[in-house]
């Protein structure tokens, strides 16, 4: 929790300064403050609470498989709130990608036995991510990504502060300063709490909730690849198969079939040229 609090505080400070300097910081209407607070409650607050406490009761593998269900549940929320639709090809792609993600993270020898409490907490993280995407899409109609993320991280830091004060403040304040650890937190603030959320906000605005959340299943793929090159971990045939299946599912989920008249029009245009 200490790392998350410092990371959010740093990212909020950076975002407010940078956004102000480049002229991207917008004034927030009083009527939208409630939505911004709800956005921050879903993510980072509720997501990190569910995921971090859930990991105390389940393995990272189980957590990764549960998180990979986000794209499977997103279509229901996207349809209910925004009438977003997926073709059968897109939905099949989601299922294929989930299967591939499971192959990447699942160790056949260890199984998936887990605590019901841990599973419930991880599903809190899943639902919070879906809720975050629903509120975020609404916010993108009035505000740019810089403004949204600046306030999101600021409010998120304030939400974590009381819990940090109760559970971790004494231990954290007694811990000696580590330049190496602080440098790592700065990287998390810049890449995970700023850039990742800005890009996600942009994708929600451009391609919607369903197709944006689909890319969550690519995370284990990059973890496996970076672990191979940086940590020298092995990638067995099961993981290679899983990575291939995830990428295949991703293409299927993003596929947009042209209507018949669009094909005819493109054929006529090509013939004339």
Protein backbone atom coordinates (compact mmCIF):
# COMPACT_ATOMS: atom_id res chain seq x y z
CA UNK A 1 0.00 0.00 0.00
CA UNK A 2 2.94 2.32 0.71
CA UNK A 3 4.29 1.84 -2.80
CA UNK A 4 0.85 2.50 -4.32
CA UNK A 5 0.36 5.67 -2.26
CA UNK A 6 3.76 7.12 -3.21
CA UNK A 7 3.28 6.08 -6.82
CA UNK A 8 -0.14 7.77 -7.07
CA UNK A 9 1.05 10.91 -5.29
CA UNK A 10 4.04 11.24 -7.63
CA UNK A 11 1.99 10.55 -10.75
CA UNK A 12 -0.69 13.08 -9.71
CA UNK A 13 1.94 15.78 -9.06
CA UNK A 14 3.65 15.07 -12.40
CA UNK A 15 0.34 15.08 -14.30
CA UNK A 16 -0.86 18.38 -12.83
CA UNK A 17 2.45 20.13 -13.56
CA UNK A 18 2.86 18.71 -17.09
CA UNK A 19 -0.81 19.22 -18.01
CA UNK A 20 -0.70 22.83 -16.81
CA UNK A 21 2.54 23.59 -18.70
CA UNK A 22 1.33 22.15 -22.02
CA UNK A 23 -2.16 23.62 -21.63
CA UNK A 24 -4.03 20.32 -21.32
CA UNK A 25 -5.45 20.75 -17.80
CA UNK A 26 -9.17 21.44 -18.00
CA UNK A 27 -11.44 22.89 -15.32
CA UNK A 28 -13.75 20.22 -13.92
CA UNK A 29 -17.44 21.04 -13.59
CA UNK A 30 -18.96 20.55 -10.14
CA UNK A 31 -21.55 18.25 -11.68
CA UNK A 32 -18.74 15.92 -12.86
CA UNK A 33 -16.83 15.72 -9.56
CA UNK A 34 -18.98 12.82 -8.40
CA UNK A 35 -18.14 10.84 -11.54
CA UNK A 36 -14.44 11.57 -11.13
CA UNK A 37 -14.53 10.37 -7.53
CA UNK A 38 -16.43 7.24 -8.61
CA UNK A 39 -13.84 6.68 -11.34
CA UNK A 40 -11.02 6.91 -8.79
CA UNK A 41 -12.90 4.61 -6.42
CA UNK A 42 -13.14 1.89 -9.07
CA UNK A 43 -9.54 2.32 -10.17
CA UNK A 44 -7.00 2.66 -8.67
CA UNK A 45 -8.59 2.21 -5.20
CA UNK A 46 -10.96 -0.77 -5.42
CA UNK A 47 -8.92 -2.57 -8.07
CA UNK A 48 -5.70 -2.47 -6.04
CA UNK A 49 -7.52 -3.42 -2.85
CA UNK A 50 -9.15 -6.43 -4.47
CA UNK A 51 -6.05 -7.57 -6.32
CA UNK A 52 -3.47 -7.04 -3.56
CA UNK A 53 -5.54 -8.58 -0.75
CA UNK A 54 -6.68 -11.34 -3.08
CA UNK A 55 -3.07 -12.30 -3.76
CA UNK A 56 -2.69 -13.11 -0.06
CA UNK A 57 -5.10 -16.01 -0.53
CA UNK A 58 -4.56 -17.15 -4.13
CA UNK A 59 -1.52 -17.70 -6.32
CA UNK A 60 -0.51 -15.18 -9.02
CA UNK A 61 -1.56 -17.79 -11.60
CA UNK A 62 -5.11 -17.99 -10.27
CA UNK A 63 -5.27 -14.19 -10.05
CA UNK A 64 -4.07 -13.84 -13.65
CA UNK A 65 -6.70 -16.27 -14.93
CA UNK A 66 -9.47 -14.42 -13.05
CA UNK A 67 -8.29 -11.03 -14.33
CA UNK A 68 -8.30 -12.49 -17.84
CA UNK A 69 -12.10 -12.81 -17.55
CA UNK A 70 -12.47 -9.01 -17.71
CA UNK A 71 -12.93 -8.98 -21.52
CA UNK A 72 -15.53 -11.75 -21.19
CA UNK A 73 -17.74 -9.75 -18.80
CA UNK A 74 -17.16 -6.33 -20.38
CA UNK A 75 -19.60 -6.84 -23.29
CA UNK A 76 -22.55 -7.09 -20.89
CA UNK A 77 -21.74 -3.75 -19.23
CA UNK A 78 -20.87 -2.10 -22.55
CA UNK A 79 -24.17 -3.20 -24.07
CA UNK A 80 -26.25 -2.19 -21.02
CA UNK A 81 -24.79 1.31 -20.65
CA UNK A 82 -23.72 2.22 -24.21
CA UNK A 83 -25.35 -0.36 -26.48
CA UNK A 84 -21.93 -1.46 -27.76
CA UNK A 85 -22.21 -4.62 -29.79
CA UNK A 86 -19.77 -7.39 -30.69
CA UNK A 87 -20.02 -9.64 -33.70
CA UNK A 88 -19.87 -13.39 -33.21
CA UNK A 89 -16.35 -13.29 -34.63
CA UNK A 90 -15.33 -10.68 -32.05
CA UNK A 91 -16.85 -12.65 -29.15
CA UNK A 92 -15.25 -15.87 -30.35
CA UNK A 93 -11.97 -13.97 -30.37
CA UNK A 94 -12.51 -13.08 -26.70
CA UNK A 95 -13.02 -16.74 -25.81
CA UNK A 96 -9.99 -17.81 -27.84
CA UNK A 97 -7.86 -15.14 -26.21
CA UNK A 98 -8.99 -16.19 -22.71
CA UNK A 99 -8.03 -19.78 -23.50
CA UNK A 100 -4.62 -18.64 -24.76
CA UNK A 101 -4.09 -16.46 -21.70
CA UNK A 102 -4.86 -19.46 -19.48
CA UNK A 103 -2.24 -21.50 -21.33
CA UNK A 104 0.37 -18.80 -20.73
CA UNK A 105 -0.20 -18.48 -16.97
CA UNK A 106 -1.43 -21.96 -16.02
CA UNK A 107 1.06 -24.50 -14.71
CA UNK A 108 -0.35 -27.98 -15.36
CA UNK A 109 1.54 -29.42 -12.39
CA UNK A 110 0.23 -26.96 -9.79
CA UNK A 111 -3.49 -26.90 -10.53
CA UNK A 112 -5.89 -24.08 -9.67
CA UNK A 113 -7.01 -24.83 -6.11
CA UNK A 114 -7.64 -21.55 -4.30
CA UNK A 115 -9.37 -19.91 -1.36
CA UNK A 116 -12.97 -18.78 -2.04
CA UNK A 117 -12.17 -15.50 -0.27
CA UNK A 118 -9.18 -14.91 -2.55
CA UNK A 119 -11.26 -15.68 -5.63
CA UNK A 120 -13.98 -13.28 -4.44
CA UNK A 121 -11.43 -10.50 -3.88
CA UNK A 122 -9.94 -11.01 -7.33
CA UNK A 123 -13.42 -10.76 -8.84
CA UNK A 124 -13.82 -7.46 -6.98
CA UNK A 125 -10.83 -6.30 -9.04
CA UNK A 126 -12.51 -7.61 -12.21
CA UNK A 127 -15.78 -5.79 -11.52
CA UNK A 128 -13.96 -2.59 -10.54
CA UNK A 129 -12.11 -2.60 -13.88
CA UNK A 130 -15.37 -2.96 -15.77
CA UNK A 131 -16.98 -0.21 -13.68
CA UNK A 132 -13.94 1.98 -14.32
CA UNK A 133 -14.23 1.53 -18.08
CA UNK A 134 -17.95 2.37 -18.02
CA UNK A 135 -17.42 5.62 -16.10
CA UNK A 136 -14.28 6.48 -18.08
CA UNK A 137 -16.13 6.32 -21.40
CA UNK A 138 -18.64 8.84 -20.04
CA UNK A 139 -15.82 11.15 -18.87
CA UNK A 140 -14.01 11.08 -22.22
CA UNK A 141 -16.89 12.94 -23.85
CA UNK A 142 -16.03 16.09 -21.87
CA UNK A 143 -12.40 15.79 -20.74
CA UNK A 144 -9.04 14.84 -22.20
CA UNK A 145 -6.88 12.03 -20.83
CA UNK A 146 -4.46 14.39 -19.05
CA UNK A 147 -7.21 15.96 -16.95
CA UNK A 148 -8.91 12.65 -16.16
CA UNK A 149 -5.73 10.86 -15.07
CA UNK A 150 -4.45 13.83 -13.03
CA UNK A 151 -7.61 13.96 -10.91
CA UNK A 152 -8.02 10.18 -10.87
CA UNK A 153 -4.60 9.65 -9.31
CA UNK A 154 -5.05 12.56 -6.90
CA UNK A 155 -8.38 11.29 -5.58
CA UNK A 156 -7.02 7.75 -5.53
CA UNK A 157 -4.09 8.81 -3.34
CA UNK A 158 -6.48 10.43 -0.85
CA UNK A 159 -8.57 7.24 -0.73
CA UNK A 160 -5.53 5.14 0.14
CA UNK A 161 -4.20 7.62 2.72
CA UNK A 162 -6.43 6.62 5.71
CA UNK A 163 -5.74 2.90 5.21
CA UNK A 164 -2.03 3.56 4.87
CA UNK A 165 -2.11 5.60 8.08
CA UNK A 166 -3.82 2.78 9.98
CA UNK A 167 -2.00 -0.27 8.63
CA UNK A 168 1.41 0.71 7.23
CA UNK A 169 2.46 4.23 8.26
CA UNK A 170 4.45 3.20 11.34
CA UNK A 171 6.41 0.51 9.51
CA UNK A 172 6.91 2.65 6.39
CA UNK A 173 8.25 5.65 8.31
CA UNK A 174 10.72 3.40 10.14
CA UNK A 175 12.08 1.96 6.88
CA UNK A 176 15.37 3.54 5.67
CA UNK A 177 15.25 5.44 2.38
CA UNK A 178 16.40 3.44 -0.64
CA UNK A 179 17.35 5.32 -3.79
CA UNK A 180 16.99 2.15 -5.86
CA UNK A 181 13.47 1.48 -4.55
CA UNK A 182 12.46 5.11 -5.07
CA UNK A 183 13.72 5.01 -8.67
CA UNK A 184 11.59 1.92 -9.26
CA UNK A 185 8.52 3.71 -7.84
CA UNK A 186 9.15 6.68 -10.16
CA UNK A 187 9.16 4.28 -13.12
CA UNK A 188 5.88 2.78 -11.91
CA UNK A 189 4.40 6.27 -11.55
CA UNK A 190 5.42 7.33 -15.06
CA UNK A 191 4.78 4.14 -17.02
CA UNK A 192 2.00 2.36 -15.07
CA UNK A 193 0.07 5.22 -13.47
CA UNK A 194 0.44 7.85 -16.21
CA UNK A 195 1.25 6.54 -19.68
CA UNK A 196 -0.72 3.28 -19.41
CA UNK A 197 -3.86 5.08 -18.23
CA UNK A 198 -3.56 7.88 -20.81
CA UNK A 199 -3.27 5.33 -23.62
CA UNK A 200 -6.18 3.33 -22.18
CA UNK A 201 -8.31 6.49 -21.97
CA UNK A 202 -7.55 7.25 -25.62
CA UNK A 203 -8.45 3.72 -26.69
CA UNK A 204 -11.74 3.81 -24.74
CA UNK A 205 -12.66 6.99 -26.61
CA UNK A 206 -11.69 5.62 -30.03
CA UNK A 207 -12.58 1.90 -30.04
CA UNK A 208 -14.89 1.48 -27.03
CA UNK A 209 -14.96 -0.61 -23.87
CA UNK A 210 -15.00 -4.11 -25.34
CA UNK A 211 -12.09 -3.83 -27.75
CA UNK A 212 -10.00 -1.83 -25.26
CA UNK A 213 -10.40 -4.34 -22.42
CA UNK A 214 -9.52 -7.11 -24.86
CA UNK A 215 -5.87 -6.06 -24.68
CA UNK A 216 -5.73 -6.99 -20.98
CA UNK A 217 -5.14 -10.57 -22.10
CA UNK A 218 -1.94 -9.50 -23.83
CA UNK A 219 -0.34 -8.59 -20.48
CA UNK A 220 0.69 -12.19 -19.59
CA UNK A 221 2.15 -12.52 -23.08
CA UNK A 222 4.49 -9.57 -22.58
CA UNK A 223 5.30 -10.74 -19.04
CA UNK A 224 6.40 -14.10 -20.46
CA UNK A 225 8.44 -12.47 -23.24
CA UNK A 226 10.19 -9.96 -20.96
CA UNK A 227 10.81 -12.68 -18.37
CA UNK A 228 12.54 -14.70 -21.08
CA UNK A 229 14.84 -11.87 -22.19
CA UNK A 230 15.39 -10.02 -18.91
CA UNK A 231 15.06 -12.67 -16.20
CA UNK A 232 16.25 -15.55 -18.39
CA UNK A 233 13.16 -17.63 -17.61
CA UNK A 234 12.30 -20.46 -19.97
CA UNK A 235 9.33 -20.42 -22.33
CA UNK A 236 8.00 -23.92 -22.90
CA UNK A 237 5.84 -25.15 -25.76
CA UNK A 238 2.66 -24.58 -23.74
CA UNK A 239 3.45 -20.88 -23.29
CA UNK A 240 4.42 -20.50 -26.95
CA UNK A 241 1.09 -22.06 -27.93
CA UNK A 242 -0.73 -19.79 -25.48
CA UNK A 243 0.97 -16.66 -26.84
CA UNK A 244 0.02 -17.65 -30.39
CA UNK A 245 -3.59 -18.31 -29.38
CA UNK A 246 -3.84 -14.96 -27.53
CA UNK A 247 -2.62 -13.08 -30.60
CA UNK A 248 -5.03 -15.01 -32.84
CA UNK A 249 -7.91 -14.22 -30.48
CA UNK A 250 -6.88 -10.57 -30.39
CA UNK A 251 -7.09 -10.30 -34.18
CA UNK A 252 -10.47 -12.03 -34.19
CA UNK A 253 -11.81 -9.73 -31.46
CA UNK A 254 -10.71 -6.60 -33.33
CA UNK A 255 -11.93 -7.82 -36.73
CA UNK A 256 -14.57 -5.64 -38.34
CA UNK A 257 -16.33 -7.24 -41.24
CA UNK A 258 -17.22 -4.94 -44.09
CA UNK A 259 -20.80 -4.76 -45.18
CA UNK A 260 -21.63 -6.09 -48.64
CA UNK A 261 -22.12 -2.63 -50.12
CA UNK A 262 -18.74 -1.53 -48.75
CA UNK A 263 -17.04 -4.45 -50.53
CA UNK A 264 -18.80 -3.55 -53.80
CA UNK A 265 -17.85 0.11 -53.47
CA UNK A 266 -14.19 -0.73 -52.82
CA UNK A 267 -14.19 -3.12 -55.81
CA UNK A 268 -15.65 -0.44 -58.11
CA UNK A 269 -13.12 2.13 -56.87
CA UNK A 270 -10.24 -0.28 -57.44
CA UNK A 271 -11.49 -1.10 -60.95
CA UNK A 272 -11.72 2.57 -61.91
CA UNK A 273 -8.21 3.29 -60.68
